[in-house]
Each structure stands twice: as structure tokens, then as C-alpha cells.
N, C-alpha and C. Protein backbone atom coordinates (compact mmCIF):
# COMPACT_ATOMS: atom_id res chain seq x y z
N MET A 1 50.92 83.83 8.89
CA MET A 1 51.74 83.14 9.96
C MET A 1 50.34 83.17 11.01
N GLN A 2 50.02 81.94 11.05
CA GLN A 2 48.87 82.30 12.80
C GLN A 2 49.84 82.02 14.01
N SER A 3 49.62 82.24 14.53
CA SER A 3 50.15 82.11 16.35
C SER A 3 49.04 80.97 16.18
N LYS A 4 50.03 80.22 17.37
CA LYS A 4 49.59 79.34 18.07
C LYS A 4 48.77 79.30 19.14
N ARG A 5 47.42 78.77 19.59
CA ARG A 5 47.09 79.37 20.16
C ARG A 5 47.34 78.64 21.81
N LYS A 6 47.16 79.46 22.76
CA LYS A 6 47.84 78.85 24.54
C LYS A 6 47.24 77.76 24.90
N ASP A 7 47.43 77.06 25.68
CA ASP A 7 46.31 75.97 26.46
C ASP A 7 45.23 76.65 27.34
N TYR A 8 45.81 77.91 27.57
CA TYR A 8 44.72 78.40 29.08
C TYR A 8 44.47 79.90 28.81
N THR A 9 43.74 80.24 29.50
CA THR A 9 43.04 82.03 29.19
C THR A 9 43.90 82.05 30.86
N LEU A 10 43.66 83.33 31.19
CA LEU A 10 43.82 84.29 32.45
C LEU A 10 42.79 85.49 32.09
N PRO A 11 42.02 86.32 33.20
CA PRO A 11 41.75 87.55 32.37
C PRO A 11 43.12 88.12 32.87
N SER A 12 43.18 89.65 31.90
CA SER A 12 44.78 89.83 31.29
C SER A 12 44.73 90.48 32.57
N LEU A 13 43.59 91.41 33.50
CA LEU A 13 44.30 92.01 34.85
C LEU A 13 44.57 91.10 36.16
N MET A 14 43.97 89.90 36.22
CA MET A 14 44.77 88.96 37.01
C MET A 14 46.08 88.49 36.77
N ARG A 15 45.98 87.81 35.44
CA ARG A 15 47.34 87.64 34.41
C ARG A 15 48.80 88.52 34.93
N GLU A 16 48.34 89.54 34.48
CA GLU A 16 49.62 90.51 34.89
C GLU A 16 49.61 90.68 36.27
N GLN A 17 48.70 90.80 36.96
CA GLN A 17 49.16 91.01 38.52
C GLN A 17 49.73 89.75 38.84
N TRP A 18 49.84 88.58 38.83
CA TRP A 18 50.06 86.99 39.40
C TRP A 18 51.81 87.41 38.76
N LEU A 19 51.80 87.78 37.57
CA LEU A 19 53.40 87.79 36.69
C LEU A 19 54.01 88.72 37.65
N GLY A 20 53.33 90.29 38.09
CA GLY A 20 54.00 91.10 38.56
C GLY A 20 54.60 90.45 39.99
N ALA A 21 53.72 89.87 40.61
CA ALA A 21 54.03 89.33 42.17
C ALA A 21 54.62 88.05 42.15
N LEU A 22 54.75 87.37 41.13
CA LEU A 22 56.11 86.34 40.64
C LEU A 22 57.14 86.50 40.28
N ARG A 23 57.57 88.05 39.74
CA ARG A 23 58.58 88.03 39.09
C ARG A 23 59.05 89.44 40.26
N GLY A 24 58.31 89.88 41.49
CA GLY A 24 58.92 91.14 41.88
C GLY A 24 59.32 90.04 42.98
N ASP A 25 59.43 91.08 44.65
CA ASP A 25 60.68 90.62 45.60
C ASP A 25 59.39 90.71 46.75
N ASP A 26 58.38 90.98 46.48
CA ASP A 26 57.43 90.37 47.65
C ASP A 26 57.19 89.48 48.57
N TYR A 27 57.04 88.64 48.06
CA TYR A 27 56.61 87.12 48.14
C TYR A 27 57.83 85.96 48.30
N LYS A 28 58.38 85.61 49.34
CA LYS A 28 59.59 83.97 49.28
C LYS A 28 58.63 83.20 49.36
N GLN A 29 59.20 82.21 48.15
CA GLN A 29 58.73 81.10 47.89
C GLN A 29 58.68 79.88 48.78
N ILE A 30 57.73 79.25 48.96
CA ILE A 30 57.99 77.71 49.33
C ILE A 30 56.95 76.79 48.78
N ASP A 31 57.14 75.42 49.32
CA ASP A 31 56.28 74.32 48.79
C ASP A 31 55.29 73.97 49.96
N GLY A 32 54.75 73.24 49.86
CA GLY A 32 53.78 72.42 50.32
C GLY A 32 52.50 73.18 50.74
N SER A 33 52.66 74.07 50.53
CA SER A 33 51.28 74.88 51.47
C SER A 33 51.34 76.32 50.76
N PHE A 34 49.65 76.77 50.87
CA PHE A 34 49.89 77.97 50.11
C PHE A 34 50.38 79.43 50.40
N TYR A 35 50.91 79.64 51.75
CA TYR A 35 51.51 80.29 52.78
C TYR A 35 51.70 79.61 54.19
N GLU A 36 52.31 80.23 54.68
CA GLU A 36 52.79 79.42 56.39
C GLU A 36 53.25 81.15 56.69
N ALA A 37 53.04 81.26 57.84
CA ALA A 37 53.26 82.56 58.41
C ALA A 37 54.94 82.51 58.67
N GLY A 38 55.82 83.36 58.59
CA GLY A 38 57.13 83.15 58.70
C GLY A 38 57.69 82.51 57.72
N CYS A 39 57.35 82.39 56.88
CA CYS A 39 57.81 81.57 55.69
C CYS A 39 57.83 82.11 54.51
N GLY A 40 56.56 81.95 53.75
CA GLY A 40 56.14 82.36 52.31
C GLY A 40 55.03 81.78 51.62
N TYR A 41 55.21 81.60 50.28
CA TYR A 41 54.13 81.47 49.52
C TYR A 41 54.18 80.22 48.64
N CYS A 42 53.43 79.69 48.11
CA CYS A 42 53.55 78.86 46.62
C CYS A 42 53.30 80.09 45.50
N ALA A 43 53.07 79.41 44.40
CA ALA A 43 52.99 80.18 43.50
C ALA A 43 51.47 80.38 43.45
N LEU A 44 50.38 79.28 43.75
CA LEU A 44 48.93 79.74 43.57
C LEU A 44 48.55 80.59 45.10
N GLY A 45 49.09 80.49 46.39
CA GLY A 45 49.37 81.51 47.58
C GLY A 45 49.46 82.84 46.95
N VAL A 46 50.56 82.97 46.51
CA VAL A 46 50.74 84.44 45.61
C VAL A 46 49.55 84.89 44.62
N ALA A 47 48.53 83.82 43.50
CA ALA A 47 47.71 84.62 42.93
C ALA A 47 46.54 84.85 43.89
N MET A 48 46.54 83.95 44.54
CA MET A 48 44.91 84.13 45.81
C MET A 48 44.91 85.15 46.41
N VAL A 49 46.54 85.23 47.16
CA VAL A 49 46.53 86.86 47.93
C VAL A 49 46.40 87.97 46.95
N GLU A 50 47.26 88.34 45.75
CA GLU A 50 47.55 89.31 44.96
C GLU A 50 46.26 89.78 44.22
N CYS A 51 45.74 88.49 43.76
CA CYS A 51 44.65 88.72 42.78
C CYS A 51 43.05 88.31 43.05
N LEU A 52 42.92 87.58 44.22
CA LEU A 52 41.68 87.15 44.60
C LEU A 52 41.60 88.24 46.14
N ASP A 53 42.14 88.58 46.69
CA ASP A 53 42.69 89.73 47.82
C ASP A 53 41.25 88.40 49.00
N ILE A 54 42.26 87.20 48.88
CA ILE A 54 42.03 86.34 49.62
C ILE A 54 42.93 86.71 50.85
N ASP A 55 42.69 86.95 52.67
CA ASP A 55 43.51 86.94 53.29
C ASP A 55 44.36 86.16 53.43
N LYS A 56 45.81 86.42 53.64
CA LYS A 56 46.33 84.99 54.24
C LYS A 56 46.16 84.59 55.44
N SER A 57 45.63 84.67 55.74
CA SER A 57 45.71 83.95 57.14
C SER A 57 44.68 82.68 57.21
N TYR A 58 43.92 83.13 55.87
CA TYR A 58 43.19 81.56 55.86
C TYR A 58 43.69 80.64 54.51
N LEU A 59 44.85 80.89 54.06
CA LEU A 59 45.55 79.99 53.47
C LEU A 59 46.64 79.41 54.48
N ASP A 60 46.74 79.99 55.67
CA ASP A 60 48.16 79.41 56.25
C ASP A 60 48.18 78.22 56.50
N GLY A 61 48.93 77.41 56.08
CA GLY A 61 49.38 76.01 56.50
C GLY A 61 48.63 75.26 55.98
N LYS A 62 47.24 75.46 54.85
CA LYS A 62 46.86 75.09 53.73
C LYS A 62 47.56 74.54 52.42
N ALA A 63 47.46 73.34 52.20
CA ALA A 63 47.52 72.76 50.91
C ALA A 63 46.35 72.79 49.81
N THR A 64 45.38 72.58 50.00
CA THR A 64 44.22 72.99 49.28
C THR A 64 43.12 73.73 49.34
N ALA A 65 42.34 73.93 48.39
CA ALA A 65 41.61 74.96 48.96
C ALA A 65 40.16 74.33 49.51
N GLN A 66 40.27 73.26 48.93
CA GLN A 66 38.95 72.35 50.00
C GLN A 66 39.20 72.61 51.52
N SER A 67 40.38 71.80 51.91
CA SER A 67 40.55 72.41 53.50
C SER A 67 40.66 74.02 53.83
N ILE A 68 40.77 74.49 52.64
CA ILE A 68 40.54 76.35 53.68
C ILE A 68 38.99 76.15 53.37
N HIS A 69 38.39 75.62 52.80
CA HIS A 69 36.79 75.63 52.53
C HIS A 69 36.04 74.99 53.42
N GLU A 70 36.92 73.86 54.49
CA GLU A 70 36.32 73.11 55.06
C GLU A 70 36.64 73.81 56.62
N GLU A 71 38.13 74.71 57.10
CA GLU A 71 38.43 75.04 58.41
C GLU A 71 37.38 76.32 58.81
N TRP A 72 37.26 76.86 57.33
CA TRP A 72 37.22 78.63 57.74
C TRP A 72 35.41 78.21 57.32
N SER A 73 34.95 77.51 56.65
CA SER A 73 33.37 77.72 55.90
C SER A 73 33.03 78.73 55.19
N LEU A 74 34.05 79.24 54.48
CA LEU A 74 33.80 80.44 53.63
C LEU A 74 33.64 80.13 52.46
N PRO A 75 32.94 81.19 52.06
CA PRO A 75 32.44 80.54 50.45
C PRO A 75 32.53 80.82 49.47
N TYR A 76 34.33 80.14 48.85
CA TYR A 76 34.84 79.79 48.22
C TYR A 76 34.25 79.10 46.87
N ASP A 77 33.06 78.46 47.12
CA ASP A 77 32.27 78.25 46.09
C ASP A 77 31.38 78.99 44.66
N ASP A 78 31.74 80.12 45.46
CA ASP A 78 31.28 81.39 44.88
C ASP A 78 31.97 82.15 43.70
N ILE A 79 33.39 82.18 44.37
CA ILE A 79 34.83 82.50 43.85
C ILE A 79 34.99 82.22 42.40
N LYS A 80 34.63 82.61 41.30
CA LYS A 80 35.08 81.94 40.34
C LYS A 80 35.91 82.27 39.50
N ILE A 81 37.33 81.22 39.54
CA ILE A 81 37.95 80.80 38.57
C ILE A 81 38.28 80.97 37.01
N PRO A 82 38.49 81.51 36.16
CA PRO A 82 38.51 81.52 35.05
C PRO A 82 39.66 80.90 34.29
N TRP A 83 40.11 79.88 34.97
CA TRP A 83 41.61 79.52 34.05
C TRP A 83 41.37 78.09 32.93
N GLY A 84 41.56 78.21 32.00
CA GLY A 84 41.13 77.46 30.50
C GLY A 84 39.84 77.66 29.98
N TYR A 85 39.98 76.99 28.89
CA TYR A 85 39.46 77.31 28.09
C TYR A 85 37.97 76.79 28.25
N GLY A 86 36.69 77.37 28.22
CA GLY A 86 35.86 76.58 28.66
C GLY A 86 35.29 76.24 30.21
N SER A 87 36.48 76.99 30.83
CA SER A 87 36.03 76.87 32.28
C SER A 87 35.87 78.30 33.24
N SER A 88 35.21 78.78 32.76
CA SER A 88 34.85 80.21 33.55
C SER A 88 33.38 80.23 34.56
N ASP A 89 32.68 78.82 34.80
CA ASP A 89 31.73 78.18 35.39
C ASP A 89 32.48 77.58 37.08
N ARG A 90 33.67 77.73 36.62
CA ARG A 90 34.33 76.73 37.52
C ARG A 90 34.63 77.55 39.08
N THR A 91 35.05 77.31 40.03
CA THR A 91 35.53 77.52 41.39
C THR A 91 36.56 77.41 42.34
N VAL A 92 37.11 78.27 42.96
CA VAL A 92 37.96 77.92 43.68
C VAL A 92 38.38 76.64 44.04
N ILE A 93 37.29 75.89 44.32
CA ILE A 93 37.56 74.62 45.52
C ILE A 93 37.02 73.19 44.25
N ASP A 94 37.34 73.56 42.84
CA ASP A 94 37.39 72.65 41.73
C ASP A 94 38.38 72.22 41.51
N THR A 95 38.90 71.23 40.87
CA THR A 95 40.24 70.61 40.35
C THR A 95 40.63 71.10 39.28
N VAL A 96 41.08 72.42 38.80
CA VAL A 96 41.65 72.98 37.54
C VAL A 96 43.13 72.54 36.97
N GLU A 97 43.41 71.77 35.99
CA GLU A 97 44.43 71.24 35.24
C GLU A 97 45.64 72.21 35.85
N LEU A 98 45.13 74.33 35.11
CA LEU A 98 46.12 74.71 35.79
C LEU A 98 46.42 74.96 36.62
N GLU A 99 45.70 74.76 38.10
CA GLU A 99 46.21 74.60 39.14
C GLU A 99 47.22 73.53 39.26
N ASP A 100 47.13 72.33 39.07
CA ASP A 100 47.86 71.50 39.01
C ASP A 100 48.53 71.14 38.63
N MET A 101 48.98 72.04 37.47
CA MET A 101 50.18 72.66 36.82
C MET A 101 51.04 73.23 37.67
N ILE A 102 50.22 74.26 37.72
CA ILE A 102 51.51 75.48 38.38
C ILE A 102 51.73 74.80 39.78
N MET A 103 50.77 73.74 40.88
CA MET A 103 51.12 73.33 41.94
C MET A 103 52.68 72.22 41.86
N GLU A 104 52.30 71.63 40.64
CA GLU A 104 53.26 70.41 40.39
C GLU A 104 54.67 71.36 40.06
N MET A 105 54.60 72.36 39.04
CA MET A 105 56.03 73.51 38.94
C MET A 105 56.81 73.67 40.27
N ASN A 106 55.46 74.26 40.98
CA ASN A 106 56.13 75.01 42.79
C ASN A 106 56.66 73.87 43.35
N ASP A 107 56.12 72.57 43.42
CA ASP A 107 55.81 71.71 44.98
C ASP A 107 56.88 70.63 44.25
N GLY A 108 57.21 70.22 43.15
CA GLY A 108 57.17 68.79 42.52
C GLY A 108 58.79 68.79 42.01
N ASP A 109 58.33 70.29 40.92
CA ASP A 109 59.75 70.33 40.14
C ASP A 109 60.53 71.03 40.53
N GLY A 110 60.28 72.33 42.02
CA GLY A 110 61.41 72.77 42.55
C GLY A 110 61.41 74.75 41.71
N MET A 111 60.61 74.82 41.05
CA MET A 111 60.88 75.83 39.70
C MET A 111 61.21 76.95 40.76
N SER A 112 61.38 77.93 39.98
CA SER A 112 61.53 79.37 41.19
C SER A 112 59.86 80.01 40.70
N PHE A 113 59.62 81.13 41.72
CA PHE A 113 58.65 81.94 40.49
C PHE A 113 58.73 82.48 39.16
N CYS A 114 60.25 82.89 39.36
CA CYS A 114 60.45 83.92 37.96
C CYS A 114 60.44 82.40 36.85
N GLN A 115 60.86 81.33 37.47
CA GLN A 115 60.34 80.15 35.95
C GLN A 115 59.38 79.83 35.88
N ILE A 116 58.36 79.96 36.93
CA ILE A 116 56.56 79.77 36.75
C ILE A 116 56.41 80.86 35.98
N ALA A 117 56.78 81.99 36.00
CA ALA A 117 56.04 82.90 35.44
C ALA A 117 56.34 83.02 33.75
N GLU A 118 57.56 82.74 33.66
CA GLU A 118 58.11 82.47 32.31
C GLU A 118 57.08 81.42 31.63
N TRP A 119 56.70 80.48 32.11
CA TRP A 119 55.93 79.31 31.28
C TRP A 119 54.40 79.62 31.54
N ILE A 120 54.27 80.57 32.80
CA ILE A 120 52.34 81.37 32.34
C ILE A 120 52.61 82.37 31.42
N ASP A 121 53.48 83.04 31.24
CA ASP A 121 53.94 83.70 29.99
C ASP A 121 53.55 83.03 28.48
N ASP A 122 54.48 82.28 28.59
CA ASP A 122 54.38 81.22 27.14
C ASP A 122 53.18 80.25 26.97
N ASN A 123 52.49 79.89 27.96
CA ASN A 123 50.98 79.10 28.01
C ASN A 123 49.94 79.95 28.44
N VAL A 124 49.95 80.92 28.60
CA VAL A 124 48.40 81.18 29.48
C VAL A 124 48.18 82.33 28.95
N GLU A 125 47.22 82.54 28.33
CA GLU A 125 46.30 83.64 26.99
C GLU A 125 45.98 84.77 27.91
N PRO A 126 46.59 85.85 28.04
CA PRO A 126 45.13 87.17 28.16
C PRO A 126 43.59 86.92 27.71
N THR A 127 42.77 87.37 28.31
CA THR A 127 41.68 87.56 27.57
C THR A 127 41.11 88.70 28.39
């Protein structure tokens, strides 16, 4: 029996770190921005802090990577985010389908971090 190819990929280490953080107790969930001081993180904010080592102060109150880049003039164009098949050349400020889906689950659908982690487990293949 041939297994179904998942729609997206993430490097194995990034995927496992993100899943562990989403399933753990270290991050409180919010919607509307990557991070808000004293409030919490969205699922993408967790990935940025946990897996990409982006300082949370850069994320505070920001809802798009473009807004981070514009305010802080940080070189996020150079940080590669290999989300999805054939997208290893994408960067943080690119619009990526997986990022949009996770954002919608977190902000629009009100899914918990655990539910988002389960979706990632089912739909994102480790590489």
C-alpha cells in the first residue's frame, strides 16, 4: 500500500520543535498578532521564536512578517522558510500557503495549539 504524500514539508527538526512547543505548556495562545507582551503567541509566533530564534520583542503586536521587516529593518529576506514542496527558496516575508492556513486556523477558526499541532502532524511531512 502506497502512503499518501502530504501537502507540505518542513525540515524534521523544525517540525518536531514546533509540534513540541505547540503541545507544551510554555506558550499561551492569542490571535491577531504573532506575539503580544503579557498576553501570548499565535501558532506562527511560536514557530518564529521556538524554531527560528527570532527575539519575541520583534514580534510584539505584529500581524505580518512584512510589518516586522518594515519597523525593525531586519534582514528577514535572508531567512529561508522551506514550507511546502518546491519552496525552499521562500523567505519569511513571502506569502506562503502553509503560513496562511496556520494563521486562519489560529485566528479565524479558533483552533487550539493542540488542534493545530494535530493538523500539522497529519498534513506536513518531515524532510
